[in-house]
């Protein structure tokens, strides 16, 4: 048994010592944290040969309305590069040229602890001849990348691998964010490949990406990531999820009613609740002469007070003295 083990180790070592093969296929999974909504986003770059061509499929699992009502979405785009090979794409940035154990040792050697608001880590899974190589590229806040590149240029280039593949195929901007691409098309394509994402095919890369980031996720699985995915969603804007109701509205008769606006900052902070107003009204004209907000969050009070100053009741529809009014602010995320 010992001899068999040593023989297997020698074969594996010989495979790495020989000239590194080019990946016959590969994919990369990234995990990125954004302070916009305080959420993690995930991307999968799948590179596959197809005859004389290379097909690159780029998918994103993220959210719409991230700051107010997060709704999970899957977007995907695909490009066929004619008469190209994976070797043409990776050029000198070949993931098969780096041993996973050497990369891990270098990351430990140059590990650092730095502050950050956003993070980006990558798991690379490449088929290198008869072997599968899994590389873990932690966020730059965890490793002194300048020293890594100085010590081993081949290893340091790996942090550029995603952009080396994605940029020539999809452009240097973000195809999923504001580049004129039809989001409905991206989401329909995402819906079609969601079952494949959930199949477990990309879980090795996801595990590597999660280990290199600030995620506390014991057994990362794409299927768990997609449990609350319900197909294409539309960002309908603030007005579609914020509601303001006048309590007991049937008791009042208005000649002019200004609807309060829901402060965006309040919506982003998920501030909801009632605002109580005391209004001084001239019974003969119905005009509001004074507004006093007696309870409620200050952001909501300001909104309610500004609107109430514009109200006008039907003449002689209210009694002299102050009128108690309650406005209810609520978020209804669907």
C-alpha atoms as a PDB file:
ATOM      1  CA  UNK A   1       0.000   0.000   0.000  1.00  0.00           C
ATOM      2  CA  UNK A   2       2.870   2.383   0.895  1.00  0.00           C
ATOM      3  CA  UNK A   3       4.550   1.643  -2.445  1.00  0.00           C
ATOM      4  CA  UNK A   4       1.330   2.379  -4.315  1.00  0.00           C
ATOM      5  CA  UNK A   5       0.966   5.668  -2.458  1.00  0.00           C
ATOM      6  CA  UNK A   6       4.539   6.698  -3.259  1.00  0.00           C
ATOM      7  CA  UNK A   7       4.081   5.761  -6.901  1.00  0.00           C
ATOM      8  CA  UNK A   8       0.905   7.849  -7.135  1.00  0.00           C
ATOM      9  CA  UNK A   9       2.652  10.776  -5.481  1.00  0.00           C
ATOM     10  CA  UNK A  10       5.587  10.458  -7.883  1.00  0.00           C
ATOM     11  CA  UNK A  11       3.252  10.421 -10.887  1.00  0.00           C
ATOM     12  CA  UNK A  12       1.407  13.493  -9.623  1.00  0.00           C
ATOM     13  CA  UNK A  13       4.692  15.278  -8.929  1.00  0.00           C
ATOM     14  CA  UNK A  14       5.995  14.425 -12.383  1.00  0.00           C
ATOM     15  CA  UNK A  15       2.831  15.785 -13.944  1.00  0.00           C
ATOM     16  CA  UNK A  16       3.363  19.125 -12.204  1.00  0.00           C
ATOM     17  CA  UNK A  17       7.093  19.217 -12.914  1.00  0.00           C
ATOM     18  CA  UNK A  18       6.559  18.764 -16.646  1.00  0.00           C
ATOM     19  CA  UNK A  19       5.600  21.759 -18.719  1.00  0.00           C
ATOM     20  CA  UNK A  20       2.231  22.915 -17.437  1.00  0.00           C
ATOM     21  CA  UNK A  21      -0.663  22.008 -19.695  1.00  0.00           C
ATOM     22  CA  UNK A  22      -3.235  24.543 -20.792  1.00  0.00           C
ATOM     23  CA  UNK A  23      -6.655  23.976 -19.189  1.00  0.00           C
ATOM     24  CA  UNK A  24      -8.906  21.895 -21.376  1.00  0.00           C
ATOM     25  CA  UNK A  25     -11.799  23.587 -19.579  1.00  0.00           C
ATOM     26  CA  UNK A  26     -12.122  25.900 -16.602  1.00  0.00           C
ATOM     27  CA  UNK A  27     -14.456  28.050 -14.579  1.00  0.00           C
ATOM     28  CA  UNK A  28     -14.130  30.755 -11.968  1.00  0.00           C
ATOM     29  CA  UNK A  29     -16.529  31.658  -9.157  1.00  0.00           C
ATOM     30  CA  UNK A  30     -16.223  35.031  -7.439  1.00  0.00           C
ATOM     31  CA  UNK A  31     -17.771  36.197  -4.183  1.00  0.00           C
ATOM     32  CA  UNK A  32     -17.945  39.950  -3.749  1.00  0.00           C
ATOM     33  CA  UNK A  33     -19.311  41.992  -0.882  1.00  0.00           C
ATOM     34  CA  UNK A  34     -20.692  45.440  -1.641  1.00  0.00           C
ATOM     35  CA  UNK A  35     -21.605  48.105   0.883  1.00  0.00           C
ATOM     36  CA  UNK A  36     -24.469  49.046  -1.484  1.00  0.00           C
ATOM     37  CA  UNK A  37     -27.197  47.206   0.380  1.00  0.00           C
ATOM     38  CA  UNK A  38     -24.651  45.277   2.445  1.00  0.00           C
ATOM     39  CA  UNK A  39     -24.966  42.100   0.371  1.00  0.00           C
ATOM     40  CA  UNK A  40     -22.780  39.449  -1.257  1.00  0.00           C
ATOM     41  CA  UNK A  41     -22.866  38.953  -5.021  1.00  0.00           C
ATOM     42  CA  UNK A  42     -21.636  35.898  -6.886  1.00  0.00           C
ATOM     43  CA  UNK A  43     -20.414  35.437 -10.452  1.00  0.00           C
ATOM     44  CA  UNK A  44     -19.498  32.397 -12.506  1.00  0.00           C
ATOM     45  CA  UNK A  45     -17.258  32.567 -15.575  1.00  0.00           C
ATOM     46  CA  UNK A  46     -17.436  29.252 -17.443  1.00  0.00           C
ATOM     47  CA  UNK A  47     -14.924  28.687 -20.283  1.00  0.00           C
ATOM     48  CA  UNK A  48     -15.519  25.682 -22.533  1.00  0.00           C
ATOM     49  CA  UNK A  49     -14.087  24.634 -25.907  1.00  0.00           C
ATOM     50  CA  UNK A  50     -16.620  23.933 -28.636  1.00  0.00           C
ATOM     51  CA  UNK A  51     -15.033  22.610 -31.799  1.00  0.00           C
ATOM     52  CA  UNK A  52     -12.682  25.295 -33.070  1.00  0.00           C
ATOM     53  CA  UNK A  53     -14.294  27.931 -30.859  1.00  0.00           C
ATOM     54  CA  UNK A  54     -14.404  28.857 -27.201  1.00  0.00           C
ATOM     55  CA  UNK A  55     -17.719  29.570 -25.471  1.00  0.00           C
ATOM     56  CA  UNK A  56     -17.654  31.852 -22.437  1.00  0.00           C
ATOM     57  CA  UNK A  57     -20.739  32.022 -20.254  1.00  0.00           C
ATOM     58  CA  UNK A  58     -20.809  34.745 -17.639  1.00  0.00           C
ATOM     59  CA  UNK A  59     -23.465  34.590 -14.921  1.00  0.00           C
ATOM     60  CA  UNK A  60     -24.288  36.725 -11.910  1.00  0.00           C
ATOM     61  CA  UNK A  61     -26.360  35.972  -8.817  1.00  0.00           C
ATOM     62  CA  UNK A  62     -27.330  39.213  -7.164  1.00  0.00           C
ATOM     63  CA  UNK A  63     -30.185  41.442  -6.147  1.00  0.00           C
ATOM     64  CA  UNK A  64     -32.371  44.203  -7.483  1.00  0.00           C
ATOM     65  CA  UNK A  65     -33.502  46.956  -5.070  1.00  0.00           C
ATOM     66  CA  UNK A  66     -30.561  45.984  -2.814  1.00  0.00           C
ATOM     67  CA  UNK A  67     -30.801  48.933  -0.456  1.00  0.00           C
ATOM     68  CA  UNK A  68     -34.550  48.767   0.181  1.00  0.00           C
ATOM     69  CA  UNK A  69     -36.239  45.505  -0.827  1.00  0.00           C
ATOM     70  CA  UNK A  70     -33.640  42.967  -2.002  1.00  0.00           C
ATOM     71  CA  UNK A  71     -35.031  40.627  -4.683  1.00  0.00           C
ATOM     72  CA  UNK A  72     -32.699  37.855  -5.828  1.00  0.00           C
ATOM     73  CA  UNK A  73     -32.008  37.687  -9.558  1.00  0.00           C
ATOM     74  CA  UNK A  74     -29.845  35.594 -11.872  1.00  0.00           C
ATOM     75  CA  UNK A  75     -28.388  37.188 -14.990  1.00  0.00           C
ATOM     76  CA  UNK A  76     -26.361  35.494 -17.700  1.00  0.00           C
ATOM     77  CA  UNK A  77     -24.631  36.360 -20.963  1.00  0.00           C
ATOM     78  CA  UNK A  78     -22.755  34.165 -23.433  1.00  0.00           C
ATOM     79  CA  UNK A  79     -20.145  34.855 -26.088  1.00  0.00           C
ATOM     80  CA  UNK A  80     -18.668  32.532 -28.712  1.00  0.00           C
ATOM     81  CA  UNK A  81     -15.126  33.411 -29.749  1.00  0.00           C
ATOM     82  CA  UNK A  82     -14.540  32.040 -33.225  1.00  0.00           C
ATOM     83  CA  UNK A  83     -11.334  30.170 -33.986  1.00  0.00           C
ATOM     84  CA  UNK A  84      -9.961  30.765 -30.494  1.00  0.00           C
ATOM     85  CA  UNK A  85      -8.621  28.369 -27.893  1.00  0.00           C
ATOM     86  CA  UNK A  86      -8.392  28.548 -24.124  1.00  0.00           C
ATOM     87  CA  UNK A  87      -4.628  28.865 -24.581  1.00  0.00           C
ATOM     88  CA  UNK A  88      -5.245  32.026 -26.613  1.00  0.00           C
ATOM     89  CA  UNK A  89      -7.280  33.450 -23.742  1.00  0.00           C
ATOM     90  CA  UNK A  90      -5.081  32.642 -20.768  1.00  0.00           C
ATOM     91  CA  UNK A  91      -1.814  33.406 -22.599  1.00  0.00           C
ATOM     92  CA  UNK A  92       0.803  33.684 -19.835  1.00  0.00           C
ATOM     93  CA  UNK A  93      -1.824  33.632 -17.076  1.00  0.00           C
ATOM     94  CA  UNK A  94      -2.187  29.861 -16.974  1.00  0.00           C
ATOM     95  CA  UNK A  95      -3.859  28.488 -13.812  1.00  0.00           C
ATOM     96  CA  UNK A  96      -2.356  25.069 -14.545  1.00  0.00           C
ATOM     97  CA  UNK A  97       1.143  26.553 -14.067  1.00  0.00           C
ATOM     98  CA  UNK A  98       0.610  27.065 -10.335  1.00  0.00           C
ATOM     99  CA  UNK A  99       0.354  24.255  -7.804  1.00  0.00           C
ATOM    100  CA  UNK A 100      -2.548  24.786  -5.380  1.00  0.00           C
ATOM    101  CA  UNK A 101      -0.351  23.942  -2.391  1.00  0.00           C
ATOM    102  CA  UNK A 102       2.289  26.465  -3.483  1.00  0.00           C
ATOM    103  CA  UNK A 103      -0.339  29.180  -3.867  1.00  0.00           C
ATOM    104  CA  UNK A 104      -1.744  28.408  -0.411  1.00  0.00           C
ATOM    105  CA  UNK A 105       1.740  28.576   1.132  1.00  0.00           C
ATOM    106  CA  UNK A 106       2.464  31.914  -0.560  1.00  0.00           C
ATOM    107  CA  UNK A 107      -0.849  33.379   0.608  1.00  0.00           C
ATOM    108  CA  UNK A 108      -0.039  32.333   4.165  1.00  0.00           C
ATOM    109  CA  UNK A 109       3.445  33.819   3.899  1.00  0.00           C
ATOM    110  CA  UNK A 110       2.211  37.205   2.698  1.00  0.00           C
ATOM    111  CA  UNK A 111      -1.050  37.308   4.594  1.00  0.00           C
ATOM    112  CA  UNK A 112      -2.121  40.669   6.003  1.00  0.00           C
ATOM    113  CA  UNK A 113      -5.086  42.144   7.805  1.00  0.00           C
ATOM    114  CA  UNK A 114      -6.444  45.296   6.253  1.00  0.00           C
ATOM    115  CA  UNK A 115      -9.634  47.301   6.558  1.00  0.00           C
ATOM    116  CA  UNK A 116     -12.069  47.237   3.652  1.00  0.00           C
ATOM    117  CA  UNK A 117     -15.599  48.147   2.676  1.00  0.00           C
ATOM    118  CA  UNK A 118     -15.825  45.840  -0.310  1.00  0.00           C
ATOM    119  CA  UNK A 119     -14.261  42.418  -0.865  1.00  0.00           C
ATOM    120  CA  UNK A 120     -13.652  40.205  -3.893  1.00  0.00           C
ATOM    121  CA  UNK A 121     -12.397  36.620  -3.781  1.00  0.00           C
ATOM    122  CA  UNK A 122     -12.191  33.968  -6.497  1.00  0.00           C
ATOM    123  CA  UNK A 123     -12.153  30.199  -6.767  1.00  0.00           C
ATOM    124  CA  UNK A 124     -10.573  28.846  -9.969  1.00  0.00           C
ATOM    125  CA  UNK A 125     -11.269  25.271 -11.075  1.00  0.00           C
ATOM    126  CA  UNK A 126      -9.273  24.117 -14.099  1.00  0.00           C
ATOM    127  CA  UNK A 127      -8.892  20.753 -15.782  1.00  0.00           C
ATOM    128  CA  UNK A 128      -5.135  20.374 -16.214  1.00  0.00           C
ATOM    129  CA  UNK A 129      -4.483  17.194 -18.152  1.00  0.00           C
ATOM    130  CA  UNK A 130      -5.699  14.267 -16.014  1.00  0.00           C
ATOM    131  CA  UNK A 131      -5.939  16.438 -12.891  1.00  0.00           C
ATOM    132  CA  UNK A 132      -8.353  19.042 -11.575  1.00  0.00           C
ATOM    133  CA  UNK A 133      -6.712  22.066 -10.012  1.00  0.00           C
ATOM    134  CA  UNK A 134      -8.596  24.218  -7.485  1.00  0.00           C
ATOM    135  CA  UNK A 135      -7.012  27.590  -6.714  1.00  0.00           C
ATOM    136  CA  UNK A 136      -8.186  29.877  -3.926  1.00  0.00           C
ATOM    137  CA  UNK A 137      -7.575  33.592  -4.533  1.00  0.00           C
ATOM    138  CA  UNK A 138      -8.461  35.523  -1.372  1.00  0.00           C
ATOM    139  CA  UNK A 139      -9.490  39.139  -1.271  1.00  0.00           C
ATOM    140  CA  UNK A 140      -6.598  41.590  -1.584  1.00  0.00           C
ATOM    141  CA  UNK A 141      -7.256  42.762   1.979  1.00  0.00           C
ATOM    142  CA  UNK A 142      -5.960  39.361   3.124  1.00  0.00           C
ATOM    143  CA  UNK A 143      -2.732  39.170   1.125  1.00  0.00           C
ATOM    144  CA  UNK A 144       0.041  41.591   0.209  1.00  0.00           C
ATOM    145  CA  UNK A 145      -0.446  41.228  -3.525  1.00  0.00           C
ATOM    146  CA  UNK A 146       2.478  43.493  -4.385  1.00  0.00           C
ATOM    147  CA  UNK A 147       4.856  41.147  -2.546  1.00  0.00           C
ATOM    148  CA  UNK A 148       3.253  38.078  -4.119  1.00  0.00           C
ATOM    149  CA  UNK A 149       3.771  39.524  -7.607  1.00  0.00           C
ATOM    150  CA  UNK A 150       7.346  40.446  -6.751  1.00  0.00           C
ATOM    151  CA  UNK A 151       8.129  36.965  -5.412  1.00  0.00           C
ATOM    152  CA  UNK A 152       6.315  35.002  -8.121  1.00  0.00           C
ATOM    153  CA  UNK A 153       4.996  36.840 -11.155  1.00  0.00           C
ATOM    154  CA  UNK A 154       3.180  33.780 -12.506  1.00  0.00           C
ATOM    155  CA  UNK A 155       1.332  33.368  -9.242  1.00  0.00           C
ATOM    156  CA  UNK A 156       0.582  37.083  -8.863  1.00  0.00           C
ATOM    157  CA  UNK A 157      -1.019  37.267 -12.296  1.00  0.00           C
ATOM    158  CA  UNK A 158      -3.772  34.882 -11.164  1.00  0.00           C
ATOM    159  CA  UNK A 159      -5.622  37.769  -9.484  1.00  0.00           C
ATOM    160  CA  UNK A 160      -6.076  39.237 -12.992  1.00  0.00           C
ATOM    161  CA  UNK A 161      -7.420  36.025 -14.515  1.00  0.00           C
ATOM    162  CA  UNK A 162     -11.113  36.960 -14.320  1.00  0.00           C
ATOM    163  CA  UNK A 163     -10.580  40.259 -16.135  1.00  0.00           C
ATOM    164  CA  UNK A 164      -8.209  38.587 -18.630  1.00  0.00           C
ATOM    165  CA  UNK A 165     -11.068  36.303 -19.678  1.00  0.00           C
ATOM    166  CA  UNK A 166     -14.091  38.558 -19.252  1.00  0.00           C
ATOM    167  CA  UNK A 167     -12.849  41.860 -20.690  1.00  0.00           C
ATOM    168  CA  UNK A 168     -11.965  40.660 -24.210  1.00  0.00           C
ATOM    169  CA  UNK A 169     -15.264  38.797 -24.423  1.00  0.00           C
ATOM    170  CA  UNK A 170     -17.718  41.275 -22.856  1.00  0.00           C
ATOM    171  CA  UNK A 171     -15.880  44.603 -22.762  1.00  0.00           C
ATOM    172  CA  UNK A 172     -14.066  46.322 -19.932  1.00  0.00           C
ATOM    173  CA  UNK A 173     -17.210  47.593 -18.201  1.00  0.00           C
ATOM    174  CA  UNK A 174     -19.746  45.502 -16.327  1.00  0.00           C
ATOM    175  CA  UNK A 175     -22.166  43.860 -18.739  1.00  0.00           C
ATOM    176  CA  UNK A 176     -24.665  43.419 -15.879  1.00  0.00           C
ATOM    177  CA  UNK A 177     -24.613  47.008 -14.643  1.00  0.00           C
ATOM    178  CA  UNK A 178     -25.691  49.907 -16.834  1.00  0.00           C
ATOM    179  CA  UNK A 179     -23.924  49.169 -20.106  1.00  0.00           C
ATOM    180  CA  UNK A 180     -27.045  49.274 -22.199  1.00  0.00           C
ATOM    181  CA  UNK A 181     -27.614  45.513 -22.132  1.00  0.00           C
ATOM    182  CA  UNK A 182     -31.283  44.521 -21.923  1.00  0.00           C
ATOM    183  CA  UNK A 183     -31.683  43.320 -18.348  1.00  0.00           C
ATOM    184  CA  UNK A 184     -34.806  41.324 -19.211  1.00  0.00           C
ATOM    185  CA  UNK A 185     -32.739  39.324 -21.734  1.00  0.00           C
ATOM    186  CA  UNK A 186     -29.978  38.787 -19.165  1.00  0.00           C
ATOM    187  CA  UNK A 187     -32.506  37.635 -16.561  1.00  0.00           C
ATOM    188  CA  UNK A 188     -34.297  35.263 -18.948  1.00  0.00           C
ATOM    189  CA  UNK A 189     -30.955  33.693 -19.821  1.00  0.00           C
ATOM    190  CA  UNK A 190     -30.210  33.499 -16.094  1.00  0.00           C
ATOM    191  CA  UNK A 191     -33.488  31.699 -15.459  1.00  0.00           C
ATOM    192  CA  UNK A 192     -32.566  29.099 -18.080  1.00  0.00           C
ATOM    193  CA  UNK A 193     -29.204  28.267 -16.532  1.00  0.00           C
ATOM    194  CA  UNK A 194     -30.308  28.468 -12.873  1.00  0.00           C
ATOM    195  CA  UNK A 195     -30.915  24.675 -12.681  1.00  0.00           C
ATOM    196  CA  UNK A 196     -27.368  24.054 -13.906  1.00  0.00           C
ATOM    197  CA  UNK A 197     -25.991  26.481 -11.329  1.00  0.00           C
ATOM    198  CA  UNK A 198     -27.907  24.624  -8.620  1.00  0.00           C
ATOM    199  CA  UNK A 199     -26.763  21.188  -9.864  1.00  0.00           C
ATOM    200  CA  UNK A 200     -23.514  21.299  -7.899  1.00  0.00           C
ATOM    201  CA  UNK A 201     -21.273  21.682 -10.930  1.00  0.00           C
ATOM    202  CA  UNK A 202     -19.735  24.910  -9.626  1.00  0.00           C
ATOM    203  CA  UNK A 203     -19.654  24.122  -5.924  1.00  0.00           C
ATOM    204  CA  UNK A 204     -15.884  23.508  -5.766  1.00  0.00           C
ATOM    205  CA  UNK A 205     -15.248  27.008  -7.064  1.00  0.00           C
ATOM    206  CA  UNK A 206     -17.847  28.486  -4.737  1.00  0.00           C
ATOM    207  CA  UNK A 207     -16.212  26.808  -1.726  1.00  0.00           C
ATOM    208  CA  UNK A 208     -12.811  28.244  -2.698  1.00  0.00           C
ATOM    209  CA  UNK A 209     -14.256  31.736  -3.204  1.00  0.00           C
ATOM    210  CA  UNK A 210     -16.088  31.645   0.137  1.00  0.00           C
ATOM    211  CA  UNK A 211     -12.938  30.556   2.005  1.00  0.00           C
ATOM    212  CA  UNK A 212     -11.121  33.584   0.631  1.00  0.00           C
ATOM    213  CA  UNK A 213     -13.699  36.094   1.819  1.00  0.00           C
ATOM    214  CA  UNK A 214     -15.457  37.254   4.985  1.00  0.00           C
ATOM    215  CA  UNK A 215     -18.300  34.770   4.704  1.00  0.00           C
ATOM    216  CA  UNK A 216     -19.278  32.432   7.510  1.00  0.00           C
ATOM    217  CA  UNK A 217     -20.749  29.646   5.415  1.00  0.00           C
ATOM    218  CA  UNK A 218     -19.851  26.146   6.549  1.00  0.00           C
ATOM    219  CA  UNK A 219     -20.909  24.126   3.500  1.00  0.00           C
ATOM    220  CA  UNK A 220     -21.300  26.473   0.509  1.00  0.00           C
ATOM    221  CA  UNK A 221     -23.656  25.139  -2.146  1.00  0.00           C
ATOM    222  CA  UNK A 222     -25.117  26.930  -5.122  1.00  0.00           C
ATOM    223  CA  UNK A 223     -28.470  25.246  -4.592  1.00  0.00           C
ATOM    224  CA  UNK A 224     -28.711  26.861  -1.146  1.00  0.00           C
ATOM    225  CA  UNK A 225     -27.806  30.200  -2.659  1.00  0.00           C
ATOM    226  CA  UNK A 226     -30.740  29.860  -5.060  1.00  0.00           C
ATOM    227  CA  UNK A 227     -33.427  28.619  -2.662  1.00  0.00           C
ATOM    228  CA  UNK A 228     -35.130  32.028  -2.592  1.00  0.00           C
ATOM    229  CA  UNK A 229     -34.766  32.667  -6.321  1.00  0.00           C
ATOM    230  CA  UNK A 230     -38.148  33.012  -8.036  1.00  0.00           C
ATOM    231  CA  UNK A 231     -37.279  33.926 -11.594  1.00  0.00           C
ATOM    232  CA  UNK A 232     -36.862  37.296 -13.333  1.00  0.00           C
ATOM    233  CA  UNK A 233     -37.692  40.362 -11.252  1.00  0.00           C
ATOM    234  CA  UNK A 234     -38.125  44.014 -12.073  1.00  0.00           C
ATOM    235  CA  UNK A 235     -36.839  46.976 -10.127  1.00  0.00           C
ATOM    236  CA  UNK A 236     -40.095  48.935  -9.930  1.00  0.00           C
ATOM    237  CA  UNK A 237     -38.664  51.826  -7.959  1.00  0.00           C
ATOM    238  CA  UNK A 238     -39.355  53.356  -4.577  1.00  0.00           C
ATOM    239  CA  UNK A 239     -43.027  54.132  -5.208  1.00  0.00           C
ATOM    240  CA  UNK A 240     -43.868  50.480  -5.833  1.00  0.00           C
ATOM    241  CA  UNK A 241     -42.824  49.291  -2.364  1.00  0.00           C
ATOM    242  CA  UNK A 242     -43.571  52.284  -0.126  1.00  0.00           C
ATOM    243  CA  UNK A 243     -47.075  53.024   1.130  1.00  0.00           C
ATOM    244  CA  UNK A 244     -48.470  55.923   3.129  1.00  0.00           C
ATOM    245  CA  UNK A 245     -52.033  55.737   4.388  1.00  0.00           C
ATOM    246  CA  UNK A 246     -54.195  58.287   6.196  1.00  0.00           C
ATOM    247  CA  UNK A 247     -55.829  56.485   9.113  1.00  0.00           C
ATOM    248  CA  UNK A 248     -59.630  56.925   9.247  1.00  0.00           C
ATOM    249  CA  UNK A 249     -59.511  58.853   5.980  1.00  0.00           C
ATOM    250  CA  UNK A 250     -63.292  58.588   5.639  1.00  0.00           C
ATOM    251  CA  UNK A 251     -63.734  61.042   8.527  1.00  0.00           C
ATOM    252  CA  UNK A 252     -62.212  63.915   6.570  1.00  0.00           C
ATOM    253  CA  UNK A 253     -63.273  65.863   3.499  1.00  0.00           C
ATOM    254  CA  UNK A 254     -60.477  67.421   1.503  1.00  0.00           C
ATOM    255  CA  UNK A 255     -60.583  70.049  -1.178  1.00  0.00           C
ATOM    256  CA  UNK A 256     -56.840  69.638  -1.705  1.00  0.00           C
ATOM    257  CA  UNK A 257     -54.685  66.762  -0.486  1.00  0.00           C
ATOM    258  CA  UNK A 258     -50.904  66.526  -0.975  1.00  0.00           C
ATOM    259  CA  UNK A 259     -49.643  62.979  -0.646  1.00  0.00           C
ATOM    260  CA  UNK A 260     -46.513  62.781   1.541  1.00  0.00           C
ATOM    261  CA  UNK A 261     -43.354  61.414  -0.017  1.00  0.00           C
ATOM    262  CA  UNK A 262     -41.533  58.495   1.558  1.00  0.00           C
ATOM    263  CA  UNK A 263     -38.014  59.725   2.349  1.00  0.00           C
ATOM    264  CA  UNK A 264     -35.524  57.525   0.508  1.00  0.00           C
ATOM    265  CA  UNK A 265     -33.158  57.513   3.465  1.00  0.00           C
ATOM    266  CA  UNK A 266     -35.978  56.246   5.687  1.00  0.00           C
ATOM    267  CA  UNK A 267     -36.813  53.509   3.182  1.00  0.00           C
ATOM    268  CA  UNK A 268     -33.163  52.439   2.958  1.00  0.00           C
ATOM    269  CA  UNK A 269     -33.061  52.237   6.764  1.00  0.00           C
ATOM    270  CA  UNK A 270     -36.360  50.294   6.735  1.00  0.00           C
ATOM    271  CA  UNK A 271     -37.987  52.926   8.938  1.00  0.00           C
ATOM    272  CA  UNK A 272     -41.742  52.445   9.174  1.00  0.00           C
ATOM    273  CA  UNK A 273     -44.552  53.381  11.541  1.00  0.00           C
ATOM    274  CA  UNK A 274     -47.178  55.963  12.420  1.00  0.00           C
ATOM    275  CA  UNK A 275     -46.798  59.718  12.563  1.00  0.00           C
ATOM    276  CA  UNK A 276     -49.296  61.654  14.677  1.00  0.00           C
ATOM    277  CA  UNK A 277     -50.062  65.240  13.665  1.00  0.00           C
ATOM    278  CA  UNK A 278     -51.977  67.991  15.374  1.00  0.00           C
ATOM    279  CA  UNK A 279     -53.396  70.418  12.815  1.00  0.00           C
ATOM    280  CA  UNK A 280     -54.739  73.904  13.368  1.00  0.00           C
ATOM    281  CA  UNK A 281     -57.356  74.557  10.661  1.00  0.00           C
ATOM    282  CA  UNK A 282     -59.418  77.621   9.813  1.00  0.00           C
ATOM    283  CA  UNK A 283     -62.940  76.121   9.672  1.00  0.00           C
ATOM    284  CA  UNK A 284     -64.255  78.770   7.293  1.00  0.00           C
ATOM    285  CA  UNK A 285     -61.571  78.245   4.637  1.00  0.00           C
ATOM    286  CA  UNK A 286     -60.294  74.765   5.457  1.00  0.00           C
ATOM    287  CA  UNK A 287     -56.682  75.972   5.280  1.00  0.00           C
ATOM    288  CA  UNK A 288     -54.091  74.438   7.592  1.00  0.00           C
ATOM    289  CA  UNK A 289     -52.365  77.175   9.538  1.00  0.00           C
ATOM    290  CA  UNK A 290     -50.151  75.126  11.839  1.00  0.00           C
ATOM    291  CA  UNK A 291     -48.779  71.582  12.011  1.00  0.00           C
ATOM    292  CA  UNK A 292     -47.307  69.881  15.043  1.00  0.00           C
ATOM    293  CA  UNK A 293     -45.854  66.366  14.675  1.00  0.00           C
ATOM    294  CA  UNK A 294     -46.197  64.837  18.119  1.00  0.00           C
ATOM    295  CA  UNK A 295     -44.863  61.304  17.483  1.00  0.00           C
ATOM    296  CA  UNK A 296     -43.045  59.191  14.915  1.00  0.00           C
ATOM    297  CA  UNK A 297     -39.553  58.950  13.470  1.00  0.00           C
ATOM    298  CA  UNK A 298     -38.103  62.366  12.700  1.00  0.00           C
ATOM    299  CA  UNK A 299     -37.550  61.579   9.016  1.00  0.00           C
ATOM    300  CA  UNK A 300     -41.196  60.561   8.688  1.00  0.00           C
ATOM    301  CA  UNK A 301     -42.351  63.539  10.748  1.00  0.00           C
ATOM    302  CA  UNK A 302     -40.664  65.962   8.383  1.00  0.00           C
ATOM    303  CA  UNK A 303     -42.295  64.298   5.380  1.00  0.00           C
ATOM    304  CA  UNK A 304     -45.748  64.261   6.968  1.00  0.00           C
ATOM    305  CA  UNK A 305     -45.537  67.854   8.214  1.00  0.00           C
ATOM    306  CA  UNK A 306     -44.437  69.202   4.827  1.00  0.00           C
ATOM    307  CA  UNK A 307     -47.373  67.527   3.097  1.00  0.00           C
ATOM    308  CA  UNK A 308     -49.951  68.513   5.749  1.00  0.00           C
ATOM    309  CA  UNK A 309     -49.087  72.193   5.356  1.00  0.00           C
ATOM    310  CA  UNK A 310     -50.396  71.924   1.783  1.00  0.00           C
ATOM    311  CA  UNK A 311     -53.714  70.319   2.720  1.00  0.00           C
ATOM    312  CA  UNK A 312     -57.023  72.107   2.475  1.00  0.00           C
ATOM    313  CA  UNK A 313     -60.227  70.789   3.987  1.00  0.00           C
ATOM    314  CA  UNK A 314     -63.692  71.522   2.691  1.00  0.00           C
ATOM    315  CA  UNK A 315     -64.889  74.771   4.333  1.00  0.00           C
ATOM    316  CA  UNK A 316     -66.926  74.190   7.510  1.00  0.00           C
ATOM    317  CA  UNK A 317     -66.158  70.446   7.437  1.00  0.00           C
ATOM    318  CA  UNK A 318     -64.005  70.564  10.574  1.00  0.00           C
ATOM    319  CA  UNK A 319     -64.629  71.841  14.079  1.00  0.00           C
ATOM    320  CA  UNK A 320     -62.670  74.746  15.572  1.00  0.00           C
ATOM    321  CA  UNK A 321     -59.540  73.781  17.476  1.00  0.00           C
ATOM    322  CA  UNK A 322     -56.866  71.212  16.675  1.00  0.00           C
ATOM    323  CA  UNK A 323     -57.466  68.063  14.650  1.00  0.00           C
ATOM    324  CA  UNK A 324     -55.616  64.840  15.348  1.00  0.00           C
ATOM    325  CA  UNK A 325     -54.383  63.080  12.192  1.00  0.00           C
ATOM    326  CA  UNK A 326     -52.366  59.851  11.866  1.00  0.00           C
ATOM    327  CA  UNK A 327     -50.340  58.816   8.804  1.00  0.00           C
ATOM    328  CA  UNK A 328     -49.031  55.260   8.533  1.00  0.00           C
ATOM    329  CA  UNK A 329     -45.762  54.677   6.646  1.00  0.00           C
ATOM    330  CA  UNK A 330     -44.986  51.123   5.560  1.00  0.00           C
ATOM    331  CA  UNK A 331     -42.748  49.106   3.238  1.00  0.00           C
ATOM    332  CA  UNK A 332     -44.255  46.166   1.407  1.00  0.00           C
ATOM    333  CA  UNK A 333     -41.539  44.152  -0.255  1.00  0.00           C
ATOM    334  CA  UNK A 334     -42.872  41.350  -2.432  1.00  0.00           C
END
